């Protein structure tokens, strides 16, 4: 059922818009939180930033909607939990690790 908004005043429409935006933000935050529960601080994870190779690191902190990851190179990244993948703790030159890397990555 679609609500009829034709009879609402401008002030009522502005208030409705504000409440809808807040509700959408809340739902997005709940989804991010639920996804965060798939990970624990100290987990080894991977993610792939746009235009870069896959990065590996350790999840170090939960934020409100993201997590902080420290990569093997010492970089601090703020990452949305839906972009993370858990990885096995394997040696850097192992076949399991190499298979997780994109083609052409050393």
PDB file of N, CA and C in Angstrom:
ATOM      1  N   UNK A   1       0.841  -1.177   0.000  1.00  0.00           N
ATOM      2  CA  UNK A   1       0.000   0.000   0.000  1.00  0.00           C
ATOM      3  C   UNK A   1       0.887   1.242   0.000  1.00  0.00           C
ATOM      4  N   UNK A   2       0.741   2.084  -0.974  1.00  0.00           N
ATOM      5  CA  UNK A   2       1.499   3.315  -1.081  1.00  0.00           C
ATOM      6  C   UNK A   2       0.740   4.433  -0.376  1.00  0.00           C
ATOM      7  N   UNK A   3       1.411   5.121   0.572  1.00  0.00           N
ATOM      8  CA  UNK A   3       0.712   6.214   1.261  1.00  0.00           C
ATOM      9  C   UNK A   3       0.474   7.390   0.315  1.00  0.00           C
ATOM     10  N   UNK A   4      -0.646   8.066   0.500  1.00  0.00           N
ATOM     11  CA  UNK A   4      -0.985   9.225  -0.310  1.00  0.00           C
ATOM     12  C   UNK A   4      -0.354  10.454   0.336  1.00  0.00           C
ATOM     13  N   UNK A   5       0.615  11.069  -0.359  1.00  0.00           N
ATOM     14  CA  UNK A   5       1.301  12.233   0.194  1.00  0.00           C
ATOM     15  C   UNK A   5       0.834  13.538  -0.452  1.00  0.00           C
ATOM     16  N   UNK A   6      -0.122  13.442  -1.341  1.00  0.00           N
ATOM     17  CA  UNK A   6      -0.582  14.627  -2.066  1.00  0.00           C
ATOM     18  C   UNK A   6      -1.199  15.678  -1.145  1.00  0.00           C
ATOM     19  N   UNK A   7      -1.734  15.279  -0.028  1.00  0.00           N
ATOM     20  CA  UNK A   7      -2.409  16.227   0.863  1.00  0.00           C
ATOM     21  C   UNK A   7      -1.461  16.846   1.897  1.00  0.00           C
ATOM     22  N   UNK A   8      -0.212  16.434   1.935  1.00  0.00           N
ATOM     23  CA  UNK A   8       0.728  16.943   2.932  1.00  0.00           C
ATOM     24  C   UNK A   8       1.236  18.332   2.552  1.00  0.00           C
ATOM     25  N   UNK A   9       1.460  19.140   3.585  1.00  0.00           N
ATOM     26  CA  UNK A   9       2.031  20.474   3.362  1.00  0.00           C
ATOM     27  C   UNK A   9       3.531  20.345   3.127  1.00  0.00           C
ATOM     28  N   UNK A  10       4.141  21.443   2.724  1.00  0.00           N
ATOM     29  CA  UNK A  10       5.590  21.436   2.508  1.00  0.00           C
ATOM     30  C   UNK A  10       6.335  21.086   3.799  1.00  0.00           C
ATOM     31  N   UNK A  11       5.912  21.655   4.900  1.00  0.00           N
ATOM     32  CA  UNK A  11       6.558  21.361   6.190  1.00  0.00           C
ATOM     33  C   UNK A  11       6.407  19.888   6.554  1.00  0.00           C
ATOM     34  N   UNK A  12       5.242  19.326   6.311  1.00  0.00           N
ATOM     35  CA  UNK A  12       5.030  17.907   6.601  1.00  0.00           C
ATOM     36  C   UNK A  12       5.872  17.022   5.687  1.00  0.00           C
ATOM     37  N   UNK A  13       6.001  17.406   4.420  1.00  0.00           N
ATOM     38  CA  UNK A  13       6.842  16.649   3.491  1.00  0.00           C
ATOM     39  C   UNK A  13       8.310  16.704   3.914  1.00  0.00           C
ATOM     40  N   UNK A  14       8.771  17.870   4.344  1.00  0.00           N
ATOM     41  CA  UNK A  14      10.154  18.000   4.817  1.00  0.00           C
ATOM     42  C   UNK A  14      10.371  17.120   6.041  1.00  0.00           C
ATOM     43  N   UNK A  15       9.424  17.117   6.962  1.00  0.00           N
ATOM     44  CA  UNK A  15       9.538  16.269   8.154  1.00  0.00           C
ATOM     45  C   UNK A  15       9.526  14.793   7.773  1.00  0.00           C
ATOM     46  N   UNK A  16       8.649  14.404   6.875  1.00  0.00           N
ATOM     47  CA  UNK A  16       8.582  13.019   6.416  1.00  0.00           C
ATOM     48  C   UNK A  16       9.895  12.610   5.748  1.00  0.00           C
ATOM     49  N   UNK A  17      10.439  13.483   4.909  1.00  0.00           N
ATOM     50  CA  UNK A  17      11.711  13.209   4.255  1.00  0.00           C
ATOM     51  C   UNK A  17      12.817  12.988   5.294  1.00  0.00           C
ATOM     52  N   UNK A  18      12.887  13.845   6.299  1.00  0.00           N
ATOM     53  CA  UNK A  18      13.899  13.709   7.350  1.00  0.00           C
ATOM     54  C   UNK A  18      13.766  12.373   8.064  1.00  0.00           C
ATOM     55  N   UNK A  19      12.530  11.995   8.373  1.00  0.00           N
ATOM     56  CA  UNK A  19      12.313  10.716   9.073  1.00  0.00           C
ATOM     57  C   UNK A  19      12.663   9.531   8.182  1.00  0.00           C
ATOM     58  N   UNK A  20      12.363   9.616   6.892  1.00  0.00           N
ATOM     59  CA  UNK A  20      12.704   8.528   5.961  1.00  0.00           C
ATOM     60  C   UNK A  20      14.215   8.388   5.847  1.00  0.00           C
ATOM     61  N   UNK A  21      14.922   9.503   5.701  1.00  0.00           N
ATOM     62  CA  UNK A  21      16.384   9.463   5.594  1.00  0.00           C
ATOM     63  C   UNK A  21      16.992   8.866   6.861  1.00  0.00           C
ATOM     64  N   UNK A  22      16.510   9.278   8.016  1.00  0.00           N
ATOM     65  CA  UNK A  22      17.023   8.729   9.284  1.00  0.00           C
ATOM     66  C   UNK A  22      16.753   7.230   9.377  1.00  0.00           C
ATOM     67  N   UNK A  23      15.605   6.799   8.953  1.00  0.00           N
ATOM     68  CA  UNK A  23      15.270   5.367   8.985  1.00  0.00           C
ATOM     69  C   UNK A  23      16.172   4.577   8.039  1.00  0.00           C
ATOM     70  N   UNK A  24      16.428   5.112   6.843  1.00  0.00           N
ATOM     71  CA  UNK A  24      17.316   4.436   5.904  1.00  0.00           C
ATOM     72  C   UNK A  24      18.741   4.351   6.445  1.00  0.00           C
ATOM     73  N   UNK A  25      19.212   5.410   7.083  1.00  0.00           N
ATOM     74  CA  UNK A  25      20.542   5.382   7.702  1.00  0.00           C
ATOM     75  C   UNK A  25      20.600   4.317   8.793  1.00  0.00           C
ATOM     76  N   UNK A  26      19.554   4.241   9.605  1.00  0.00           N
ATOM     77  CA  UNK A  26      19.499   3.254  10.672  1.00  0.00           C
ATOM     78  C   UNK A  26      19.543   1.834  10.107  1.00  0.00           C
ATOM     79  N   UNK A  27      18.776   1.575   9.046  1.00  0.00           N
ATOM     80  CA  UNK A  27      18.768   0.237   8.452  1.00  0.00           C
ATOM     81  C   UNK A  27      20.133  -0.126   7.869  1.00  0.00           C
ATOM     82  N   UNK A  28      20.799   0.835   7.231  1.00  0.00           N
ATOM     83  CA  UNK A  28      22.140   0.585   6.694  1.00  0.00           C
ATOM     84  C   UNK A  28      23.121   0.294   7.824  1.00  0.00           C
ATOM     85  N   UNK A  29      23.008   1.031   8.903  1.00  0.00           N
ATOM     86  CA  UNK A  29      23.881   0.808  10.050  1.00  0.00           C
ATOM     87  C   UNK A  29      23.638  -0.570  10.660  1.00  0.00           C
ATOM     88  N   UNK A  30      22.404  -1.006  10.718  1.00  0.00           N
ATOM     89  CA  UNK A  30      22.088  -2.332  11.261  1.00  0.00           C
ATOM     90  C   UNK A  30      22.661  -3.436  10.372  1.00  0.00           C
ATOM     91  N   UNK A  31      22.579  -3.261   9.051  1.00  0.00           N
ATOM     92  CA  UNK A  31      23.165  -4.246   8.142  1.00  0.00           C
ATOM     93  C   UNK A  31      24.681  -4.314   8.314  1.00  0.00           C
ATOM     94  N   UNK A  32      25.320  -3.149   8.424  1.00  0.00           N
ATOM     95  CA  UNK A  32      26.772  -3.117   8.614  1.00  0.00           C
ATOM     96  C   UNK A  32      27.140  -3.783   9.938  1.00  0.00           C
ATOM     97  N   UNK A  33      26.382  -3.514  10.976  1.00  0.00           N
ATOM     98  CA  UNK A  33      26.660  -4.121  12.284  1.00  0.00           C
ATOM     99  C   UNK A  33      26.507  -5.639  12.218  1.00  0.00           C
ATOM    100  N   UNK A  34      25.467  -6.103  11.556  1.00  0.00           N
ATOM    101  CA  UNK A  34      25.256  -7.549  11.437  1.00  0.00           C
ATOM    102  C   UNK A  34      26.422  -8.190  10.690  1.00  0.00           C
ATOM    103  N   UNK A  35      26.905  -7.537   9.647  1.00  0.00           N
ATOM    104  CA  UNK A  35      28.045  -8.060   8.885  1.00  0.00           C
ATOM    105  C   UNK A  35      29.319  -8.036   9.735  1.00  0.00           C
ATOM    106  N   UNK A  36      29.456  -7.010  10.586  1.00  0.00           N
ATOM    107  CA  UNK A  36      30.623  -6.926  11.470  1.00  0.00           C
ATOM    108  C   UNK A  36      30.699  -8.121  12.409  1.00  0.00           C
ATOM    109  N   UNK A  37      29.548  -8.651  12.777  1.00  0.00           N
ATOM    110  CA  UNK A  37      29.523  -9.784  13.702  1.00  0.00           C
ATOM    111  C   UNK A  37      30.131 -11.037  13.088  1.00  0.00           C
ATOM    112  N   UNK A  38      30.325 -11.050  11.764  1.00  0.00           N
ATOM    113  CA  UNK A  38      30.992 -12.167  11.096  1.00  0.00           C
ATOM    114  C   UNK A  38      32.495 -12.159  11.361  1.00  0.00           C
ATOM    115  N   UNK A  39      33.013 -11.050  11.894  1.00  0.00           N
ATOM    116  CA  UNK A  39      34.447 -10.874  12.100  1.00  0.00           C
ATOM    117  C   UNK A  39      34.737 -10.527  13.551  1.00  0.00           C
ATOM    118  N   UNK A  40      35.953 -10.823  13.960  1.00  0.00           N
ATOM    119  CA  UNK A  40      36.416 -10.475  15.309  1.00  0.00           C
ATOM    120  C   UNK A  40      37.703  -9.681  15.193  1.00  0.00           C
ATOM    121  N   UNK A  41      37.958  -8.833  16.179  1.00  0.00           N
ATOM    122  CA  UNK A  41      39.229  -8.131  16.228  1.00  0.00           C
ATOM    123  C   UNK A  41      40.335  -9.185  16.256  1.00  0.00           C
ATOM    124  N   UNK A  42      41.344  -9.002  15.420  1.00  0.00           N
ATOM    125  CA  UNK A  42      42.436  -9.963  15.309  1.00  0.00           C
ATOM    126  C   UNK A  42      42.309 -10.909  14.133  1.00  0.00           C
ATOM    127  N   UNK A  43      41.137 -10.945  13.492  1.00  0.00           N
ATOM    128  CA  UNK A  43      40.959 -11.810  12.315  1.00  0.00           C
ATOM    129  C   UNK A  43      41.830 -11.315  11.170  1.00  0.00           C
ATOM    130  N   UNK A  44      42.395 -12.265  10.423  1.00  0.00           N
ATOM    131  CA  UNK A  44      43.111 -11.939   9.188  1.00  0.00           C
ATOM    132  C   UNK A  44      42.065 -11.813   8.091  1.00  0.00           C
ATOM    133  N   UNK A  45      42.125 -10.725   7.359  1.00  0.00           N
ATOM    134  CA  UNK A  45      41.122 -10.436   6.333  1.00  0.00           C
ATOM    135  C   UNK A  45      41.807  -9.966   5.061  1.00  0.00           C
ATOM    136  N   UNK A  46      41.032  -9.967   3.985  1.00  0.00           N
ATOM    137  CA  UNK A  46      41.493  -9.388   2.727  1.00  0.00           C
ATOM    138  C   UNK A  46      40.376  -8.514   2.187  1.00  0.00           C
ATOM    139  N   UNK A  47      40.765  -7.560   1.358  1.00  0.00           N
ATOM    140  CA  UNK A  47      39.814  -6.711   0.656  1.00  0.00           C
ATOM    141  C   UNK A  47      40.534  -6.128  -0.550  1.00  0.00           C
ATOM    142  N   UNK A  48      39.769  -5.648  -1.520  1.00  0.00           N
ATOM    143  CA  UNK A  48      40.371  -5.101  -2.724  1.00  0.00           C
ATOM    144  C   UNK A  48      39.851  -3.698  -2.978  1.00  0.00           C
ATOM    145  N   UNK A  49      40.686  -2.692  -2.695  1.00  0.00           N
ATOM    146  CA  UNK A  49      40.285  -1.316  -3.009  1.00  0.00           C
ATOM    147  C   UNK A  49      40.218  -1.117  -4.523  1.00  0.00           C
ATOM    148  N   UNK A  50      39.413  -0.177  -4.953  1.00  0.00           N
ATOM    149  CA  UNK A  50      39.305   0.120  -6.388  1.00  0.00           C
ATOM    150  C   UNK A  50      40.674   0.459  -6.974  1.00  0.00           C
ATOM    151  N   UNK A  51      41.000  -0.190  -8.072  1.00  0.00           N
ATOM    152  CA  UNK A  51      42.227   0.099  -8.782  1.00  0.00           C
ATOM    153  C   UNK A  51      43.498  -0.395  -8.119  1.00  0.00           C
ATOM    154  N   UNK A  52      43.366  -1.242  -7.119  1.00  0.00           N
ATOM    155  CA  UNK A  52      44.544  -1.760  -6.418  1.00  0.00           C
ATOM    156  C   UNK A  52      44.427  -3.271  -6.316  1.00  0.00           C
ATOM    157  N   UNK A  53      45.554  -3.932  -6.041  1.00  0.00           N
ATOM    158  CA  UNK A  53      45.490  -5.384  -5.845  1.00  0.00           C
ATOM    159  C   UNK A  53      44.850  -5.711  -4.498  1.00  0.00           C
ATOM    160  N   UNK A  54      44.567  -6.978  -4.294  1.00  0.00           N
ATOM    161  CA  UNK A  54      44.016  -7.447  -3.018  1.00  0.00           C
ATOM    162  C   UNK A  54      45.000  -7.116  -1.908  1.00  0.00           C
ATOM    163  N   UNK A  55      44.475  -6.584  -0.806  1.00  0.00           N
ATOM    164  CA  UNK A  55      45.295  -6.289   0.359  1.00  0.00           C
ATOM    165  C   UNK A  55      44.947  -7.265   1.473  1.00  0.00           C
ATOM    166  N   UNK A  56      45.945  -7.657   2.230  1.00  0.00           N
ATOM    167  CA  UNK A  56      45.771  -8.558   3.364  1.00  0.00           C
ATOM    168  C   UNK A  56      46.137  -7.799   4.631  1.00  0.00           C
ATOM    169  N   UNK A  57      45.420  -8.070   5.704  1.00  0.00           N
ATOM    170  CA  UNK A  57      45.728  -7.400   6.957  1.00  0.00           C
ATOM    171  C   UNK A  57      44.999  -8.024   8.117  1.00  0.00           C
ATOM    172  N   UNK A  58      45.017  -7.299   9.234  1.00  0.00           N
ATOM    173  CA  UNK A  58      44.383  -7.752  10.465  1.00  0.00           C
ATOM    174  C   UNK A  58      43.340  -6.717  10.880  1.00  0.00           C
ATOM    175  N   UNK A  59      42.148  -7.201  11.193  1.00  0.00           N
ATOM    176  CA  UNK A  59      41.097  -6.324  11.687  1.00  0.00           C
ATOM    177  C   UNK A  59      41.488  -5.883  13.096  1.00  0.00           C
ATOM    178  N   UNK A  60      41.559  -4.575  13.330  1.00  0.00           N
ATOM    179  CA  UNK A  60      42.019  -4.081  14.625  1.00  0.00           C
ATOM    180  C   UNK A  60      40.971  -3.338  15.428  1.00  0.00           C
ATOM    181  N   UNK A  61      39.887  -2.902  14.756  1.00  0.00           N
ATOM    182  CA  UNK A  61      38.918  -2.088  15.489  1.00  0.00           C
ATOM    183  C   UNK A  61      37.573  -2.074  14.782  1.00  0.00           C
ATOM    184  N   UNK A  62      36.512  -2.086  15.596  1.00  0.00           N
ATOM    185  CA  UNK A  62      35.162  -1.838  15.092  1.00  0.00           C
ATOM    186  C   UNK A  62      34.893  -0.341  15.181  1.00  0.00           C
ATOM    187  N   UNK A  63      34.346   0.233  14.142  1.00  0.00           N
ATOM    188  CA  UNK A  63      33.876   1.609  14.153  1.00  0.00           C
ATOM    189  C   UNK A  63      32.356   1.567  14.084  1.00  0.00           C
ATOM    190  N   UNK A  64      31.722   2.704  13.916  1.00  0.00           N
ATOM    191  CA  UNK A  64      30.260   2.723  13.895  1.00  0.00           C
ATOM    192  C   UNK A  64      29.694   1.920  12.725  1.00  0.00           C
ATOM    193  N   UNK A  65      30.200   2.176  11.496  1.00  0.00           N
ATOM    194  CA  UNK A  65      29.704   1.478  10.313  1.00  0.00           C
ATOM    195  C   UNK A  65      30.808   0.754   9.556  1.00  0.00           C
ATOM    196  N   UNK A  66      32.030   0.864  10.009  1.00  0.00           N
ATOM    197  CA  UNK A  66      33.177   0.281   9.315  1.00  0.00           C
ATOM    198  C   UNK A  66      34.080  -0.420  10.323  1.00  0.00           C
ATOM    199  N   UNK A  67      35.137  -1.020   9.809  1.00  0.00           N
ATOM    200  CA  UNK A  67      36.170  -1.590  10.666  1.00  0.00           C
ATOM    201  C   UNK A  67      37.515  -1.019  10.226  1.00  0.00           C
ATOM    202  N   UNK A  68      38.473  -1.047  11.130  1.00  0.00           N
ATOM    203  CA  UNK A  68      39.824  -0.613  10.796  1.00  0.00           C
ATOM    204  C   UNK A  68      40.676  -1.846  10.578  1.00  0.00           C
ATOM    205  N   UNK A  69      41.424  -1.840   9.472  1.00  0.00           N
ATOM    206  CA  UNK A  69      42.308  -2.942   9.116  1.00  0.00           C
ATOM    207  C   UNK A  69      43.712  -2.365   8.963  1.00  0.00           C
ATOM    208  N   UNK A  70      44.691  -3.042   9.568  1.00  0.00           N
ATOM    209  CA  UNK A  70      46.088  -2.698   9.339  1.00  0.00           C
ATOM    210  C   UNK A  70      46.639  -3.737   8.382  1.00  0.00           C
ATOM    211  N   UNK A  71      47.101  -3.261   7.220  1.00  0.00           N
ATOM    212  CA  UNK A  71      47.582  -4.172   6.186  1.00  0.00           C
ATOM    213  C   UNK A  71      48.979  -4.678   6.526  1.00  0.00           C
ATOM    214  N   UNK A  72      49.407  -5.676   5.758  1.00  0.00           N
ATOM    215  CA  UNK A  72      50.751  -6.222   5.945  1.00  0.00           C
ATOM    216  C   UNK A  72      51.812  -5.158   5.734  1.00  0.00           C
ATOM    217  N   UNK A  73      51.515  -4.146   4.915  1.00  0.00           N
ATOM    218  CA  UNK A  73      52.449  -3.054   4.666  1.00  0.00           C
ATOM    219  C   UNK A  73      52.384  -1.955   5.707  1.00  0.00           C
ATOM    220  N   UNK A  74      51.541  -2.128   6.735  1.00  0.00           N
ATOM    221  CA  UNK A  74      51.445  -1.149   7.812  1.00  0.00           C
ATOM    222  C   UNK A  74      50.459  -0.027   7.573  1.00  0.00           C
ATOM    223  N   UNK A  75      49.709  -0.083   6.465  1.00  0.00           N
ATOM    224  CA  UNK A  75      48.717   0.948   6.186  1.00  0.00           C
ATOM    225  C   UNK A  75      47.460   0.717   7.028  1.00  0.00           C
ATOM    226  N   UNK A  76      46.827   1.800   7.466  1.00  0.00           N
ATOM    227  CA  UNK A  76      45.557   1.726   8.185  1.00  0.00           C
ATOM    228  C   UNK A  76      44.445   2.029   7.196  1.00  0.00           C
ATOM    229  N   UNK A  77      43.493   1.139   7.082  1.00  0.00           N
ATOM    230  CA  UNK A  77      42.361   1.315   6.177  1.00  0.00           C
ATOM    231  C   UNK A  77      41.067   1.251   6.977  1.00  0.00           C
ATOM    232  N   UNK A  78      40.135   2.111   6.631  1.00  0.00           N
ATOM    233  CA  UNK A  78      38.772   2.040   7.147  1.00  0.00           C
ATOM    234  C   UNK A  78      37.943   1.388   6.062  1.00  0.00           C
ATOM    235  N   UNK A  79      37.381   0.219   6.380  1.00  0.00           N
ATOM    236  CA  UNK A  79      36.760  -0.613   5.351  1.00  0.00           C
ATOM    237  C   UNK A  79      35.336  -0.979   5.761  1.00  0.00           C
ATOM    238  N   UNK A  80      34.435  -0.924   4.807  1.00  0.00           N
ATOM    239  CA  UNK A  80      33.081  -1.410   5.036  1.00  0.00           C
ATOM    240  C   UNK A  80      33.136  -2.924   5.206  1.00  0.00           C
ATOM    241  N   UNK A  81      32.465  -3.471   6.209  1.00  0.00           N
ATOM    242  CA  UNK A  81      32.565  -4.918   6.450  1.00  0.00           C
ATOM    243  C   UNK A  81      32.084  -5.784   5.294  1.00  0.00           C
ATOM    244  N   UNK A  82      31.216  -5.262   4.428  1.00  0.00           N
ATOM    245  CA  UNK A  82      30.749  -6.096   3.308  1.00  0.00           C
ATOM    246  C   UNK A  82      31.847  -6.302   2.258  1.00  0.00           C
ATOM    247  N   UNK A  83      32.943  -5.552   2.335  1.00  0.00           N
ATOM    248  CA  UNK A  83      34.061  -5.722   1.399  1.00  0.00           C
ATOM    249  C   UNK A  83      35.116  -6.700   1.904  1.00  0.00           C
ATOM    250  N   UNK A  84      35.003  -7.127   3.140  1.00  0.00           N
ATOM    251  CA  UNK A  84      36.017  -7.994   3.753  1.00  0.00           C
ATOM    252  C   UNK A  84      35.778  -9.462   3.462  1.00  0.00           C
ATOM    253  N   UNK A  85      36.868 -10.201   3.432  1.00  0.00           N
ATOM    254  CA  UNK A  85      36.846 -11.668   3.350  1.00  0.00           C
ATOM    255  C   UNK A  85      37.806 -12.188   4.401  1.00  0.00           C
ATOM    256  N   UNK A  86      37.395 -13.213   5.132  1.00  0.00           N
ATOM    257  CA  UNK A  86      38.317 -13.861   6.065  1.00  0.00           C
ATOM    258  C   UNK A  86      39.333 -14.647   5.261  1.00  0.00           C
ATOM    259  N   UNK A  87      40.571 -14.674   5.742  1.00  0.00           N
ATOM    260  CA  UNK A  87      41.600 -15.471   5.087  1.00  0.00           C
ATOM    261  C   UNK A  87      42.240 -16.389   6.109  1.00  0.00           C
ATOM    262  N   UNK A  88      42.707 -17.512   5.601  1.00  0.00           N
ATOM    263  CA  UNK A  88      43.435 -18.439   6.456  1.00  0.00           C
ATOM    264  C   UNK A  88      44.782 -17.821   6.766  1.00  0.00           C
ATOM    265  N   UNK A  89      45.332 -18.137   7.909  1.00  0.00           N
ATOM    266  CA  UNK A  89      46.655 -17.665   8.275  1.00  0.00           C
ATOM    267  C   UNK A  89      47.669 -18.598   7.638  1.00  0.00           C
ATOM    268  N   UNK A  90      48.222 -18.172   6.490  1.00  0.00           N
ATOM    269  CA  UNK A  90      49.157 -19.010   5.746  1.00  0.00           C
ATOM    270  C   UNK A  90      50.431 -18.226   5.466  1.00  0.00           C
ATOM    271  N   UNK A  91      51.481 -18.936   5.143  1.00  0.00           N
ATOM    272  CA  UNK A  91      52.762 -18.310   4.825  1.00  0.00           C
ATOM    273  C   UNK A  91      52.632 -17.468   3.563  1.00  0.00           C
ATOM    274  N   UNK A  92      53.403 -16.351   3.455  1.00  0.00           N
ATOM    275  CA  UNK A  92      53.275 -15.454   2.303  1.00  0.00           C
ATOM    276  C   UNK A  92      53.518 -16.108   0.951  1.00  0.00           C
ATOM    277  N   UNK A  93      54.336 -17.160   0.881  1.00  0.00           N
ATOM    278  CA  UNK A  93      54.627 -17.767  -0.416  1.00  0.00           C
ATOM    279  C   UNK A  93      53.912 -19.097  -0.623  1.00  0.00           C
ATOM    280  N   UNK A  94      52.905 -19.376   0.214  1.00  0.00           N
ATOM    281  CA  UNK A  94      52.215 -20.663   0.096  1.00  0.00           C
ATOM    282  C   UNK A  94      51.278 -20.675  -1.110  1.00  0.00           C
ATOM    283  N   UNK A  95      51.012 -21.864  -1.669  1.00  0.00           N
ATOM    284  CA  UNK A  95      50.083 -21.956  -2.809  1.00  0.00           C
ATOM    285  C   UNK A  95      48.679 -21.460  -2.461  1.00  0.00           C
ATOM    286  N   UNK A  96      48.224 -21.686  -1.219  1.00  0.00           N
ATOM    287  CA  UNK A  96      46.881 -21.228  -0.835  1.00  0.00           C
ATOM    288  C   UNK A  96      46.802 -19.709  -0.903  1.00  0.00           C
ATOM    289  N   UNK A  97      47.834 -19.027  -0.462  1.00  0.00           N
ATOM    290  CA  UNK A  97      47.850 -17.569  -0.488  1.00  0.00           C
ATOM    291  C   UNK A  97      47.966 -17.077  -1.917  1.00  0.00           C
ATOM    292  N   UNK A  98      48.824 -17.702  -2.691  1.00  0.00           N
ATOM    293  CA  UNK A  98      49.016 -17.260  -4.074  1.00  0.00           C
ATOM    294  C   UNK A  98      47.737 -17.412  -4.883  1.00  0.00           C
ATOM    295  N   UNK A  99      46.930 -18.434  -4.586  1.00  0.00           N
ATOM    296  CA  UNK A  99      45.690 -18.616  -5.329  1.00  0.00           C
ATOM    297  C   UNK A  99      44.666 -17.555  -4.994  1.00  0.00           C
ATOM    298  N   UNK A 100      44.820 -16.877  -3.844  1.00  0.00           N
ATOM    299  CA  UNK A 100      43.886 -15.825  -3.476  1.00  0.00           C
ATOM    300  C   UNK A 100      44.248 -14.498  -4.120  1.00  0.00           C
ATOM    301  N   UNK A 101      45.434 -14.405  -4.700  1.00  0.00           N
ATOM    302  CA  UNK A 101      45.864 -13.156  -5.309  1.00  0.00           C
ATOM    303  C   UNK A 101      45.392 -13.074  -6.754  1.00  0.00           C
ATOM    304  N   UNK A 102      45.149 -11.863  -7.235  1.00  0.00           N
ATOM    305  CA  UNK A 102      44.759 -11.725  -8.650  1.00  0.00           C
ATOM    306  C   UNK A 102      45.939 -12.056  -9.555  1.00  0.00           C
ATOM    307  N   UNK A 103      45.652 -12.401 -10.786  1.00  0.00           N
ATOM    308  CA  UNK A 103      46.697 -12.724 -11.742  1.00  0.00           C
ATOM    309  C   UNK A 103      47.642 -11.546 -11.911  1.00  0.00           C
ATOM    310  N   UNK A 104      48.936 -11.848 -12.029  1.00  0.00           N
ATOM    311  CA  UNK A 104      49.924 -10.817 -12.236  1.00  0.00           C
ATOM    312  C   UNK A 104      50.449 -10.207 -10.959  1.00  0.00           C
ATOM    313  N   UNK A 105      49.897 -10.583  -9.801  1.00  0.00           N
ATOM    314  CA  UNK A 105      50.359 -10.046  -8.522  1.00  0.00           C
ATOM    315  C   UNK A 105      51.542 -10.873  -8.055  1.00  0.00           C
ATOM    316  N   UNK A 106      52.648 -10.232  -7.638  1.00  0.00           N
ATOM    317  CA  UNK A 106      53.832 -10.991  -7.198  1.00  0.00           C
ATOM    318  C   UNK A 106      53.603 -11.764  -5.926  1.00  0.00           C
TER     319      UNK A 106
END
